[in-house]
Amino acid sequence: IGNANVELADAATSAARKAWLRDRIKYLQTGIADMKARSFLVAEYDPFIVIPVHLLTATNDNYAPRVGDYAVVIYDQKLYPCIVGDGGPTFKAGEASLRMAKQLNPRATPYSRPVSDLKVTYLVFPNSRDTERGPPDYEKWRQRCGELLKEIGGLGAGYDLHVWENTFPKP
């Protein structure tokens, strides 16, 4: 926005470019207001899974997952606490954030899946989401997933939930 304002103040900037810059500033300001009013997940930093949207919108199913529900991804004898973060296409199952994908396979990219075999399990805890929304709190997610796992028998000896480091850049 600052760079756009500098360019707007420049007499050499064309009228068409100034109109585009004003629209762009308005767009960015709207995005900033949205981010201040809501909490967003960022795929590169936040560990979450994506559920087919038809499951998220199932109105007659008390056991259907919802955005915000707690979940655990199980892969290669490791358990990763997370939440249901988004809804995706109905023809795809097994999507996750880039952060989760890179944890499973460091070579994963938005265009290269981390695992091609059916070796990843999503354990979703329906109706477990917090009533109050807030920014991602990985330690809280880990504790809550641990509690939910205990309700169904707990973890076996030698297993523990992964500890996510907050890698989001500090302002």
Protein backbone atom coordinates (compact mmCIF):
# COMPACT_ATOMS: atom_id res chain seq x y z
CA ILE A 1 0.00 0.00 0.00
CA GLY A 2 2.87 2.32 0.82
CA ASN A 3 4.54 1.70 -2.54
CA ALA A 4 1.21 2.22 -4.31
CA ASN A 5 0.73 5.57 -2.55
CA VAL A 6 4.21 6.68 -3.62
CA GLU A 7 3.41 5.75 -7.21
CA LEU A 8 0.04 7.53 -7.01
CA ALA A 9 1.79 10.73 -5.91
CA ASP A 10 4.17 10.59 -8.87
CA ALA A 11 3.03 12.96 -11.65
CA ALA A 12 4.51 10.59 -14.25
CA THR A 13 2.08 7.82 -13.34
CA SER A 14 -0.61 7.41 -16.02
CA ALA A 15 -4.30 7.89 -15.25
CA ALA A 16 -5.02 4.24 -16.04
CA ARG A 17 -2.26 3.08 -13.69
CA LYS A 18 -3.54 5.41 -10.94
CA ALA A 19 -7.04 3.96 -11.31
CA TRP A 20 -5.61 0.44 -11.03
CA LEU A 21 -3.54 1.42 -7.99
CA ARG A 22 -6.59 2.91 -6.23
CA ASP A 23 -8.53 -0.30 -6.89
CA ARG A 24 -5.61 -2.38 -5.65
CA ILE A 25 -5.28 -0.33 -2.46
CA LYS A 26 -9.01 -0.75 -1.80
CA TYR A 27 -8.69 -4.51 -2.38
CA LEU A 28 -5.71 -4.79 -0.02
CA GLN A 29 -7.41 -2.69 2.67
CA THR A 30 -10.47 -4.96 2.49
CA GLY A 31 -8.20 -7.99 2.92
CA ILE A 32 -6.48 -6.42 5.90
CA ALA A 33 -9.82 -5.63 7.52
CA ASP A 34 -10.93 -9.25 6.96
CA MET A 35 -7.76 -10.59 8.57
CA LYS A 36 -8.22 -8.31 11.58
CA ALA A 37 -11.85 -9.40 11.99
CA ARG A 38 -11.33 -13.13 11.44
CA SER A 39 -8.75 -15.77 12.03
CA PHE A 40 -7.28 -17.37 8.92
CA LEU A 41 -5.15 -20.42 8.47
CA VAL A 42 -2.08 -20.12 6.27
CA ALA A 43 -1.27 -23.35 4.44
CA GLU A 44 2.50 -22.79 4.52
CA TYR A 45 2.55 -22.33 8.31
CA ASP A 46 -0.51 -23.99 9.85
CA PRO A 47 -1.02 -27.77 10.05
CA PHE A 48 -4.56 -28.60 8.98
CA ILE A 49 -6.50 -31.07 6.88
CA VAL A 50 -9.04 -30.49 4.13
CA ILE A 51 -12.28 -32.46 4.08
CA PRO A 52 -14.46 -32.89 0.96
CA VAL A 53 -16.96 -30.04 1.07
CA HIS A 54 -19.99 -32.32 0.76
CA LEU A 55 -19.08 -33.82 4.14
CA LEU A 56 -18.70 -30.38 5.74
CA THR A 57 -22.12 -29.31 4.52
CA ALA A 58 -23.99 -32.46 5.60
CA THR A 59 -26.79 -30.95 7.68
CA ASN A 60 -28.48 -34.16 8.83
CA ASP A 61 -25.38 -35.88 10.15
CA ASN A 62 -24.33 -35.21 13.74
CA TYR A 63 -21.07 -37.05 13.10
CA ALA A 64 -20.00 -35.11 10.01
CA PRO A 65 -16.80 -33.12 10.45
CA ARG A 66 -16.91 -29.33 10.56
CA VAL A 67 -14.24 -26.70 10.05
CA GLY A 68 -12.46 -26.26 13.36
CA ASP A 69 -12.93 -29.84 14.57
CA TYR A 70 -9.82 -31.42 16.00
CA ALA A 71 -8.06 -34.15 14.05
CA VAL A 72 -4.94 -36.29 14.14
CA VAL A 73 -2.99 -37.32 11.05
CA ILE A 74 -1.29 -40.68 11.44
CA TYR A 75 1.63 -41.54 9.16
CA ASP A 76 4.74 -43.67 9.48
CA GLN A 77 3.97 -44.43 13.15
CA LYS A 78 3.82 -40.71 13.99
CA LEU A 79 0.80 -38.71 15.12
CA TYR A 80 0.27 -35.08 14.10
CA PRO A 81 -2.37 -32.99 15.91
CA CYS A 82 -4.26 -30.52 13.74
CA ILE A 83 -7.72 -29.25 12.89
CA VAL A 84 -10.10 -29.49 9.98
CA GLY A 85 -9.18 -26.25 8.26
CA ASP A 86 -11.04 -26.18 4.98
CA GLY A 87 -13.37 -27.89 2.56
CA GLY A 88 -12.19 -29.10 -0.82
CA PRO A 89 -13.51 -30.81 -3.92
CA THR A 90 -15.91 -33.70 -3.46
CA PHE A 91 -13.78 -35.92 -5.69
CA LYS A 92 -10.68 -35.61 -3.50
CA ALA A 93 -9.99 -37.06 -0.08
CA GLY A 94 -6.73 -36.82 1.77
CA GLU A 95 -5.79 -33.18 1.30
CA ALA A 96 -3.82 -31.22 3.86
CA SER A 97 -2.03 -27.93 4.26
CA LEU A 98 1.41 -27.50 2.76
CA ARG A 99 2.82 -27.44 6.31
CA MET A 100 1.35 -30.87 7.01
CA ALA A 101 2.44 -32.20 3.61
CA LYS A 102 6.03 -31.05 4.12
CA GLN A 103 6.08 -32.65 7.57
CA LEU A 104 5.16 -35.99 6.01
CA ASN A 105 7.61 -35.52 3.12
CA PRO A 106 9.99 -32.53 2.90
CA ARG A 107 9.90 -32.75 -0.92
CA ALA A 108 6.14 -32.08 -1.05
CA THR A 109 4.98 -28.99 -2.94
CA PRO A 110 1.58 -27.65 -3.97
CA TYR A 111 2.08 -29.72 -7.14
CA SER A 112 3.63 -32.85 -5.65
CA ARG A 113 1.78 -34.81 -3.00
CA PRO A 114 3.74 -36.04 0.00
CA VAL A 115 2.39 -39.62 -0.11
CA SER A 116 0.77 -41.46 -3.00
CA ASP A 117 -0.12 -44.69 -1.21
CA LEU A 118 -2.99 -45.21 1.20
CA LYS A 119 -0.66 -44.93 4.18
CA VAL A 120 -2.02 -41.76 5.79
CA THR A 121 -4.95 -41.86 8.20
CA TYR A 122 -7.08 -38.92 9.25
CA LEU A 123 -8.76 -39.33 12.62
CA VAL A 124 -11.36 -36.57 12.95
CA PHE A 125 -13.23 -35.82 16.16
CA PRO A 126 -16.68 -34.51 15.12
CA ASN A 127 -18.24 -31.76 17.21
CA SER A 128 -14.93 -31.06 18.93
CA ARG A 129 -14.26 -27.56 17.62
CA ASP A 130 -13.93 -24.72 20.08
CA THR A 131 -16.94 -22.46 20.52
CA GLU A 132 -14.71 -19.40 20.45
CA ARG A 133 -12.58 -18.90 17.37
CA GLY A 134 -9.08 -17.57 17.60
CA PRO A 135 -5.66 -17.68 16.03
CA PRO A 136 -3.95 -21.06 15.72
CA ASP A 137 -2.59 -22.32 19.02
CA TYR A 138 -0.58 -25.45 18.26
CA GLU A 139 0.03 -26.38 21.89
CA LYS A 140 -3.70 -26.10 22.62
CA TRP A 141 -4.41 -28.27 19.56
CA ARG A 142 -1.91 -30.85 20.82
CA GLN A 143 -3.40 -30.92 24.32
CA ARG A 144 -6.97 -31.18 23.04
CA CYS A 145 -6.11 -33.92 20.57
CA GLY A 146 -4.38 -35.78 23.42
CA GLU A 147 -7.54 -35.53 25.54
CA LEU A 148 -9.71 -36.75 22.66
CA LEU A 149 -7.37 -39.67 21.99
CA LYS A 150 -7.56 -40.66 25.68
CA GLU A 151 -11.36 -40.82 25.36
CA ILE A 152 -10.97 -43.56 22.74
CA GLY A 153 -8.24 -45.53 24.50
CA GLY A 154 -5.18 -43.30 24.36
CA LEU A 155 -1.82 -43.77 22.73
CA GLY A 156 0.22 -46.92 22.98
CA ALA A 157 3.54 -47.06 24.80
CA GLY A 158 6.28 -45.20 22.98
CA TYR A 159 3.90 -42.97 21.00
CA ASP A 160 3.35 -39.28 21.49
CA LEU A 161 1.77 -36.42 19.58
CA HIS A 162 4.04 -34.30 17.43
CA VAL A 163 4.95 -30.87 18.80
CA TRP A 164 4.44 -28.19 16.16
CA GLU A 165 6.82 -25.24 16.21
CA ASN A 166 5.31 -21.86 15.37
CA THR A 167 7.24 -20.85 12.26
CA PHE A 168 5.03 -17.90 11.35
CA PRO A 169 7.24 -14.80 10.90
CA LYS A 170 7.02 -12.32 13.74
CA PRO A 171 5.78 -8.85 12.69
